[in-house]
N, C-alpha and C. Protein backbone atom coordinates (compact mmCIF):
# COMPACT_ATOMS: atom_id res chain seq x y z
N UNK A 1 2.89 9.24 -6.48
CA UNK A 1 1.51 9.29 -6.04
C UNK A 1 0.87 7.91 -5.99
N UNK A 2 1.41 6.95 -6.72
CA UNK A 2 0.87 5.59 -6.70
C UNK A 2 1.32 4.78 -5.49
N UNK A 3 2.51 5.03 -5.01
CA UNK A 3 3.08 4.22 -3.93
C UNK A 3 2.56 4.59 -2.56
N UNK A 4 2.71 3.66 -1.64
CA UNK A 4 2.25 3.87 -0.27
C UNK A 4 3.07 4.90 0.49
N UNK A 5 4.23 5.25 -0.02
CA UNK A 5 5.06 6.23 0.66
C UNK A 5 4.69 7.66 0.28
N UNK A 6 3.77 7.82 -0.66
CA UNK A 6 3.40 9.17 -1.11
C UNK A 6 2.72 9.93 0.04
N UNK A 7 2.91 11.24 0.10
CA UNK A 7 2.40 12.04 1.22
C UNK A 7 0.92 12.41 1.10
N UNK A 8 0.07 11.39 1.16
CA UNK A 8 -1.37 11.61 1.08
C UNK A 8 -2.02 11.01 2.32
N UNK A 9 -2.51 11.89 3.20
CA UNK A 9 -3.12 11.45 4.44
C UNK A 9 -4.45 10.76 4.18
N UNK A 10 -4.79 9.85 5.08
CA UNK A 10 -6.08 9.15 5.01
C UNK A 10 -6.68 9.07 6.41
N UNK A 11 -7.98 8.87 6.45
CA UNK A 11 -8.69 8.67 7.71
C UNK A 11 -9.06 7.20 7.83
N UNK A 12 -8.87 6.67 9.03
CA UNK A 12 -9.25 5.28 9.34
C UNK A 12 -9.59 5.23 10.82
N UNK A 13 -10.74 4.67 11.15
CA UNK A 13 -11.20 4.60 12.54
C UNK A 13 -11.16 5.97 13.22
N UNK A 14 -11.62 6.97 12.50
CA UNK A 14 -11.69 8.35 13.01
C UNK A 14 -10.33 8.92 13.42
N UNK A 15 -9.27 8.40 12.82
CA UNK A 15 -7.92 8.91 13.08
C UNK A 15 -7.25 9.22 11.76
N UNK A 16 -6.43 10.26 11.79
CA UNK A 16 -5.66 10.64 10.60
C UNK A 16 -4.37 9.85 10.57
N UNK A 17 -4.09 9.29 9.41
CA UNK A 17 -2.84 8.57 9.14
C UNK A 17 -2.10 9.37 8.08
N UNK A 18 -0.82 9.64 8.32
CA UNK A 18 -0.06 10.47 7.39
C UNK A 18 0.08 9.85 6.01
N UNK A 19 0.13 8.52 5.95
CA UNK A 19 0.27 7.83 4.67
C UNK A 19 -0.43 6.48 4.75
N UNK A 20 -0.71 5.93 3.58
CA UNK A 20 -1.28 4.58 3.55
C UNK A 20 -0.26 3.55 4.04
N UNK A 21 1.03 3.84 3.89
CA UNK A 21 2.06 2.94 4.39
C UNK A 21 1.99 2.81 5.91
N UNK A 22 1.80 3.92 6.60
CA UNK A 22 1.70 3.88 8.06
C UNK A 22 0.52 3.01 8.49
N UNK A 23 -0.63 3.21 7.86
CA UNK A 23 -1.80 2.40 8.20
C UNK A 23 -1.55 0.93 7.88
N UNK A 24 -1.00 0.67 6.71
CA UNK A 24 -0.74 -0.71 6.32
C UNK A 24 0.16 -1.41 7.34
N UNK A 25 1.24 -0.75 7.73
CA UNK A 25 2.15 -1.35 8.71
C UNK A 25 1.44 -1.55 10.05
N UNK A 26 0.67 -0.58 10.48
CA UNK A 26 -0.02 -0.67 11.78
C UNK A 26 -1.04 -1.79 11.81
N UNK A 27 -1.69 -2.04 10.68
CA UNK A 27 -2.72 -3.08 10.64
C UNK A 27 -2.15 -4.49 10.82
N UNK A 28 -0.85 -4.61 10.78
CA UNK A 28 -0.21 -5.90 11.02
C UNK A 28 -0.14 -6.24 12.52
N UNK A 29 -0.61 -5.32 13.36
CA UNK A 29 -0.54 -5.50 14.81
C UNK A 29 -1.92 -5.38 15.44
N UNK A 30 -2.20 -6.22 16.42
CA UNK A 30 -3.42 -6.09 17.21
C UNK A 30 -3.21 -5.12 18.36
N UNK A 31 -1.97 -5.02 18.81
CA UNK A 31 -1.62 -4.16 19.94
C UNK A 31 -1.84 -2.70 19.55
N UNK A 32 -2.81 -2.06 20.21
CA UNK A 32 -3.18 -0.69 19.86
C UNK A 32 -2.07 0.32 20.20
N UNK A 33 -1.26 0.02 21.21
CA UNK A 33 -0.15 0.91 21.54
C UNK A 33 0.87 0.93 20.40
N UNK A 34 1.16 -0.24 19.85
CA UNK A 34 2.09 -0.31 18.72
C UNK A 34 1.50 0.40 17.51
N UNK A 35 0.22 0.21 17.28
CA UNK A 35 -0.42 0.91 16.16
C UNK A 35 -0.27 2.42 16.30
N UNK A 36 -0.45 2.92 17.51
CA UNK A 36 -0.32 4.36 17.73
C UNK A 36 1.12 4.84 17.53
N UNK A 37 2.07 4.06 17.97
CA UNK A 37 3.47 4.42 17.76
C UNK A 37 3.74 4.56 16.27
N UNK A 38 3.23 3.62 15.49
CA UNK A 38 3.42 3.66 14.03
C UNK A 38 2.67 4.85 13.43
N UNK A 39 1.45 5.07 13.88
CA UNK A 39 0.64 6.18 13.35
C UNK A 39 1.30 7.53 13.61
N UNK A 40 1.96 7.66 14.73
CA UNK A 40 2.56 8.94 15.11
C UNK A 40 3.89 9.23 14.42
N UNK A 41 4.41 8.30 13.68
CA UNK A 41 5.64 8.55 12.92
C UNK A 41 5.36 9.59 11.84
N UNK A 42 6.27 10.51 11.68
CA UNK A 42 6.08 11.59 10.70
C UNK A 42 6.26 11.12 9.26
N UNK A 43 7.19 10.21 9.03
CA UNK A 43 7.47 9.78 7.66
C UNK A 43 6.99 8.35 7.42
N UNK A 44 6.67 8.01 6.18
CA UNK A 44 6.25 6.65 5.88
C UNK A 44 7.37 5.64 6.13
N UNK A 45 8.61 6.03 5.86
CA UNK A 45 9.73 5.12 6.11
C UNK A 45 9.93 4.94 7.61
N UNK A 46 9.70 5.99 8.38
CA UNK A 46 9.76 5.88 9.84
C UNK A 46 8.73 4.90 10.35
N UNK A 47 7.52 4.95 9.78
CA UNK A 47 6.45 4.01 10.17
C UNK A 47 6.85 2.58 9.85
N UNK A 48 7.46 2.41 8.70
CA UNK A 48 7.91 1.08 8.29
C UNK A 48 9.00 0.55 9.23
N UNK A 49 9.91 1.42 9.61
CA UNK A 49 10.99 1.02 10.51
C UNK A 49 10.46 0.70 11.91
N UNK A 50 9.45 1.44 12.37
CA UNK A 50 8.85 1.15 13.68
C UNK A 50 8.19 -0.23 13.63
N UNK A 51 7.51 -0.53 12.55
CA UNK A 51 6.87 -1.84 12.41
C UNK A 51 7.93 -2.95 12.47
N UNK A 52 9.05 -2.72 11.80
CA UNK A 52 10.14 -3.72 11.83
C UNK A 52 10.67 -3.91 13.24
N UNK A 53 10.72 -2.82 14.00
CA UNK A 53 11.21 -2.89 15.38
C UNK A 53 10.35 -3.84 16.22
N UNK A 54 9.05 -3.87 15.94
CA UNK A 54 8.12 -4.70 16.71
C UNK A 54 7.72 -5.97 15.96
N UNK A 55 8.51 -6.37 15.01
CA UNK A 55 8.22 -7.51 14.12
C UNK A 55 7.74 -8.76 14.87
N UNK A 56 8.34 -9.05 16.01
CA UNK A 56 7.97 -10.27 16.75
C UNK A 56 6.56 -10.21 17.32
N UNK A 57 5.97 -9.03 17.34
CA UNK A 57 4.61 -8.89 17.88
C UNK A 57 3.55 -8.77 16.78
N UNK A 58 3.95 -8.95 15.54
CA UNK A 58 2.98 -8.89 14.44
C UNK A 58 1.94 -9.98 14.61
N UNK A 59 0.69 -9.64 14.34
CA UNK A 59 -0.38 -10.63 14.41
C UNK A 59 -0.80 -11.08 13.01
N UNK A 60 -0.26 -10.44 12.00
CA UNK A 60 -0.55 -10.79 10.61
C UNK A 60 0.76 -11.12 9.91
N UNK A 61 0.77 -12.21 9.21
CA UNK A 61 1.96 -12.62 8.47
C UNK A 61 2.11 -11.76 7.21
N UNK A 62 3.26 -11.12 7.05
CA UNK A 62 3.48 -10.35 5.82
C UNK A 62 3.29 -11.21 4.58
N UNK A 63 2.64 -10.63 3.59
CA UNK A 63 2.37 -11.23 2.29
C UNK A 63 1.33 -12.35 2.34
N UNK A 64 0.61 -12.47 3.46
CA UNK A 64 -0.48 -13.44 3.58
C UNK A 64 -1.75 -12.85 2.95
N UNK A 65 -2.78 -13.65 2.85
CA UNK A 65 -4.05 -13.17 2.28
C UNK A 65 -4.62 -12.02 3.12
N UNK A 66 -4.49 -12.12 4.44
CA UNK A 66 -4.96 -11.05 5.32
C UNK A 66 -4.16 -9.76 5.09
N UNK A 67 -2.87 -9.90 4.88
CA UNK A 67 -2.01 -8.75 4.58
C UNK A 67 -2.45 -8.11 3.26
N UNK A 68 -2.75 -8.93 2.27
CA UNK A 68 -3.22 -8.41 0.98
C UNK A 68 -4.54 -7.66 1.14
N UNK A 69 -5.44 -8.21 1.94
CA UNK A 69 -6.72 -7.53 2.17
C UNK A 69 -6.52 -6.20 2.88
N UNK A 70 -5.55 -6.15 3.80
CA UNK A 70 -5.23 -4.87 4.44
C UNK A 70 -4.69 -3.88 3.43
N UNK A 71 -3.85 -4.34 2.51
CA UNK A 71 -3.32 -3.44 1.48
C UNK A 71 -4.46 -2.94 0.60
N UNK A 72 -5.39 -3.82 0.26
CA UNK A 72 -6.56 -3.38 -0.52
C UNK A 72 -7.29 -2.25 0.20
N UNK A 73 -7.50 -2.44 1.50
CA UNK A 73 -8.18 -1.42 2.30
C UNK A 73 -7.40 -0.11 2.27
N UNK A 74 -6.10 -0.18 2.47
CA UNK A 74 -5.27 1.03 2.52
C UNK A 74 -5.28 1.79 1.20
N UNK A 75 -5.13 1.09 0.09
CA UNK A 75 -5.11 1.82 -1.18
C UNK A 75 -6.51 2.31 -1.55
N UNK A 76 -7.53 1.57 -1.17
CA UNK A 76 -8.90 2.03 -1.41
C UNK A 76 -9.14 3.34 -0.67
N UNK A 77 -8.74 3.39 0.60
CA UNK A 77 -8.91 4.62 1.38
C UNK A 77 -8.10 5.76 0.77
N UNK A 78 -6.88 5.49 0.40
CA UNK A 78 -6.01 6.53 -0.16
C UNK A 78 -6.63 7.14 -1.42
N UNK A 79 -7.09 6.30 -2.31
CA UNK A 79 -7.59 6.81 -3.58
C UNK A 79 -9.00 7.37 -3.48
N UNK A 80 -9.85 6.79 -2.65
CA UNK A 80 -11.22 7.31 -2.57
C UNK A 80 -11.32 8.54 -1.68
N UNK A 81 -10.34 8.75 -0.80
CA UNK A 81 -10.36 9.94 0.05
C UNK A 81 -9.58 11.10 -0.56
N UNK A 82 -8.95 10.88 -1.67
CA UNK A 82 -8.18 11.92 -2.36
C UNK A 82 -8.66 11.96 -3.81
N UNK A 83 -9.60 12.85 -4.08
CA UNK A 83 -10.24 12.91 -5.41
C UNK A 83 -9.22 13.07 -6.55
N UNK A 84 -8.19 13.87 -6.31
CA UNK A 84 -7.17 14.07 -7.34
C UNK A 84 -6.50 12.74 -7.68
N UNK A 85 -6.22 11.91 -6.66
CA UNK A 85 -5.59 10.62 -6.91
C UNK A 85 -6.52 9.67 -7.64
N UNK A 86 -7.80 9.72 -7.32
CA UNK A 86 -8.78 8.90 -8.04
C UNK A 86 -8.73 9.24 -9.53
N UNK A 87 -8.75 10.54 -9.83
CA UNK A 87 -8.72 10.98 -11.23
C UNK A 87 -7.43 10.54 -11.92
N UNK A 88 -6.30 10.68 -11.21
CA UNK A 88 -5.02 10.26 -11.79
C UNK A 88 -5.00 8.75 -12.06
N UNK A 89 -5.51 7.97 -11.13
CA UNK A 89 -5.54 6.52 -11.31
C UNK A 89 -6.43 6.16 -12.50
N UNK A 90 -7.60 6.75 -12.57
CA UNK A 90 -8.50 6.46 -13.69
C UNK A 90 -7.90 6.90 -15.02
N UNK A 91 -7.11 7.95 -14.99
CA UNK A 91 -6.49 8.46 -16.23
C UNK A 91 -5.43 7.50 -16.78
N UNK A 92 -5.02 6.51 -15.99
CA UNK A 92 -4.06 5.53 -16.50
C UNK A 92 -4.74 4.56 -17.47
N UNK A 93 -6.07 4.65 -17.58
CA UNK A 93 -6.80 3.82 -18.54
C UNK A 93 -6.59 2.35 -18.28
N UNK A 94 -6.21 1.63 -19.32
CA UNK A 94 -5.99 0.19 -19.15
C UNK A 94 -4.50 -0.15 -19.19
N UNK A 95 -3.67 0.87 -18.95
CA UNK A 95 -2.23 0.63 -18.96
C UNK A 95 -1.79 -0.23 -17.79
N UNK A 96 -0.73 -0.97 -18.01
CA UNK A 96 -0.13 -1.81 -16.99
C UNK A 96 0.51 -0.93 -15.91
N UNK A 97 0.25 -1.25 -14.65
CA UNK A 97 0.87 -0.55 -13.53
C UNK A 97 1.84 -1.52 -12.87
N UNK A 98 3.08 -1.09 -12.76
CA UNK A 98 4.10 -1.95 -12.17
C UNK A 98 4.78 -1.21 -11.03
N UNK A 99 4.90 -1.88 -9.91
CA UNK A 99 5.71 -1.39 -8.80
C UNK A 99 7.15 -1.76 -9.15
N UNK A 100 7.88 -0.80 -9.70
CA UNK A 100 9.24 -1.06 -10.18
C UNK A 100 10.19 -1.13 -8.98
N UNK A 101 10.72 -2.32 -8.72
CA UNK A 101 11.60 -2.50 -7.57
C UNK A 101 13.07 -2.28 -7.93
N UNK A 102 13.33 -1.96 -9.20
CA UNK A 102 14.69 -1.66 -9.62
C UNK A 102 15.66 -2.76 -9.25
N UNK A 103 16.70 -2.40 -8.52
CA UNK A 103 17.74 -3.38 -8.17
C UNK A 103 17.55 -3.96 -6.77
N UNK A 104 16.47 -3.57 -6.08
CA UNK A 104 16.23 -4.12 -4.74
C UNK A 104 16.05 -5.63 -4.84
N UNK A 105 16.63 -6.32 -3.89
CA UNK A 105 16.55 -7.79 -3.89
C UNK A 105 15.77 -8.27 -2.69
N UNK A 106 15.29 -9.49 -2.79
CA UNK A 106 14.58 -10.10 -1.68
C UNK A 106 13.17 -10.49 -2.07
N UNK A 107 12.70 -11.53 -1.42
CA UNK A 107 11.38 -12.09 -1.74
C UNK A 107 10.26 -11.07 -1.58
N UNK A 108 10.34 -10.21 -0.55
CA UNK A 108 9.24 -9.27 -0.34
C UNK A 108 9.16 -8.25 -1.47
N UNK A 109 10.33 -7.83 -1.99
CA UNK A 109 10.32 -6.88 -3.11
C UNK A 109 9.75 -7.54 -4.36
N UNK A 110 10.17 -8.77 -4.61
CA UNK A 110 9.70 -9.48 -5.80
C UNK A 110 8.24 -9.89 -5.67
N UNK A 111 7.73 -9.91 -4.47
CA UNK A 111 6.31 -10.18 -4.25
C UNK A 111 5.49 -8.93 -4.59
N UNK A 112 5.85 -7.79 -4.00
CA UNK A 112 5.07 -6.57 -4.18
C UNK A 112 5.31 -5.94 -5.54
N UNK A 113 6.47 -6.13 -6.13
CA UNK A 113 6.78 -5.45 -7.39
C UNK A 113 7.44 -6.35 -8.40
N UNK A 114 8.09 -5.71 -9.36
CA UNK A 114 8.79 -6.44 -10.43
C UNK A 114 9.95 -5.57 -10.89
N UNK A 115 10.90 -6.22 -11.55
CA UNK A 115 12.04 -5.50 -12.12
C UNK A 115 12.18 -5.91 -13.57
N UNK A 116 12.69 -5.02 -14.37
CA UNK A 116 12.88 -5.27 -15.80
C UNK A 116 14.22 -5.97 -15.99
N UNK A 117 14.17 -7.20 -16.53
CA UNK A 117 15.37 -7.98 -16.81
C UNK A 117 15.28 -8.45 -18.25
N UNK A 118 16.27 -8.03 -19.03
CA UNK A 118 16.32 -8.40 -20.45
C UNK A 118 15.00 -8.12 -21.17
N UNK A 119 14.42 -6.96 -20.90
CA UNK A 119 13.20 -6.55 -21.57
C UNK A 119 11.92 -7.18 -21.05
N UNK A 120 12.00 -7.96 -19.96
CA UNK A 120 10.82 -8.63 -19.42
C UNK A 120 10.69 -8.30 -17.93
N UNK A 121 9.45 -8.02 -17.51
CA UNK A 121 9.20 -7.74 -16.10
C UNK A 121 9.18 -9.05 -15.33
N UNK A 122 9.98 -9.13 -14.27
CA UNK A 122 10.04 -10.33 -13.44
C UNK A 122 9.70 -9.97 -12.00
N UNK A 123 8.77 -10.73 -11.44
CA UNK A 123 8.27 -10.49 -10.09
C UNK A 123 6.76 -10.63 -10.10
N UNK A 124 6.17 -10.76 -8.94
CA UNK A 124 4.72 -10.95 -8.86
C UNK A 124 3.93 -9.67 -9.07
N UNK A 125 4.53 -8.52 -8.77
CA UNK A 125 3.87 -7.23 -8.98
C UNK A 125 2.50 -7.14 -8.30
N UNK A 126 2.40 -7.65 -7.09
CA UNK A 126 1.13 -7.65 -6.37
C UNK A 126 0.61 -6.23 -6.18
N UNK A 127 1.48 -5.29 -5.84
CA UNK A 127 1.03 -3.91 -5.63
C UNK A 127 0.46 -3.33 -6.92
N UNK A 128 1.15 -3.52 -8.02
CA UNK A 128 0.62 -3.04 -9.30
C UNK A 128 -0.71 -3.68 -9.63
N UNK A 129 -0.82 -4.97 -9.37
CA UNK A 129 -2.08 -5.68 -9.64
C UNK A 129 -3.21 -5.17 -8.77
N UNK A 130 -2.93 -4.88 -7.50
CA UNK A 130 -3.96 -4.34 -6.61
C UNK A 130 -4.41 -2.96 -7.07
N UNK A 131 -3.48 -2.15 -7.55
CA UNK A 131 -3.85 -0.83 -8.06
C UNK A 131 -4.71 -0.94 -9.32
N UNK A 132 -4.37 -1.89 -10.20
CA UNK A 132 -5.18 -2.08 -11.41
C UNK A 132 -6.56 -2.63 -11.05
N UNK A 133 -6.61 -3.49 -10.03
CA UNK A 133 -7.89 -4.03 -9.55
C UNK A 133 -8.77 -2.88 -9.04
N UNK A 134 -8.19 -1.99 -8.24
CA UNK A 134 -8.95 -0.84 -7.72
C UNK A 134 -9.38 0.07 -8.86
N UNK A 135 -8.50 0.32 -9.79
CA UNK A 135 -8.83 1.16 -10.95
C UNK A 135 -10.03 0.59 -11.69
N UNK A 136 -10.05 -0.72 -11.86
CA UNK A 136 -11.16 -1.38 -12.54
C UNK A 136 -12.47 -1.17 -11.79
N UNK A 137 -12.42 -1.33 -10.48
CA UNK A 137 -13.62 -1.13 -9.65
C UNK A 137 -14.09 0.32 -9.76
N UNK A 138 -13.17 1.25 -9.62
CA UNK A 138 -13.54 2.67 -9.68
C UNK A 138 -14.09 3.06 -11.04
N UNK A 139 -13.55 2.51 -12.10
CA UNK A 139 -14.01 2.86 -13.44
C UNK A 139 -15.39 2.31 -13.73
N UNK A 140 -15.74 1.19 -13.12
CA UNK A 140 -17.04 0.57 -13.35
C UNK A 140 -18.13 1.09 -12.42
N UNK A 141 -17.75 1.31 -11.18
CA UNK A 141 -18.74 1.66 -10.17
C UNK A 141 -18.67 3.10 -9.73
N UNK A 142 -17.67 3.83 -10.17
CA UNK A 142 -17.48 5.19 -9.69
C UNK A 142 -16.83 5.15 -8.33
N UNK A 143 -16.53 6.31 -7.75
CA UNK A 143 -15.90 6.36 -6.44
C UNK A 143 -16.67 5.58 -5.39
N UNK A 144 -15.93 4.84 -4.56
CA UNK A 144 -16.55 4.05 -3.51
C UNK A 144 -16.20 4.63 -2.15
N UNK A 145 -17.11 4.52 -1.23
CA UNK A 145 -16.90 5.09 0.12
C UNK A 145 -16.02 4.22 0.96
């Protein structure tokens, strides 16, 4: 339920997106036709693969500040539009949230998540940090629109 691949639909620009992952991938493109192709994918992994197919047409650099802001938008929509998820996120209290990348390798995985090596988490864990950032906002200000 924490990850972008979870099956929780969101609304953005008066359109339904099957997952926050689909919206996140689509926001990397200015081309509205490509965005629609990604939006119409049934699975979050399908949306991700469609985005990879059009990689040369991306208008946003992956892992850039603009990409991070888009991820903030996506997770904010996911959690504020799904009351159950908001409650679950708040119920994590002040616990550390880590996007566990397990044995996956590569800079993008180590950017978004972390892996446990010799009892220590290694990686930037940006996704976990963004979730904790949102949790902090929600706990202080209540649900945001």
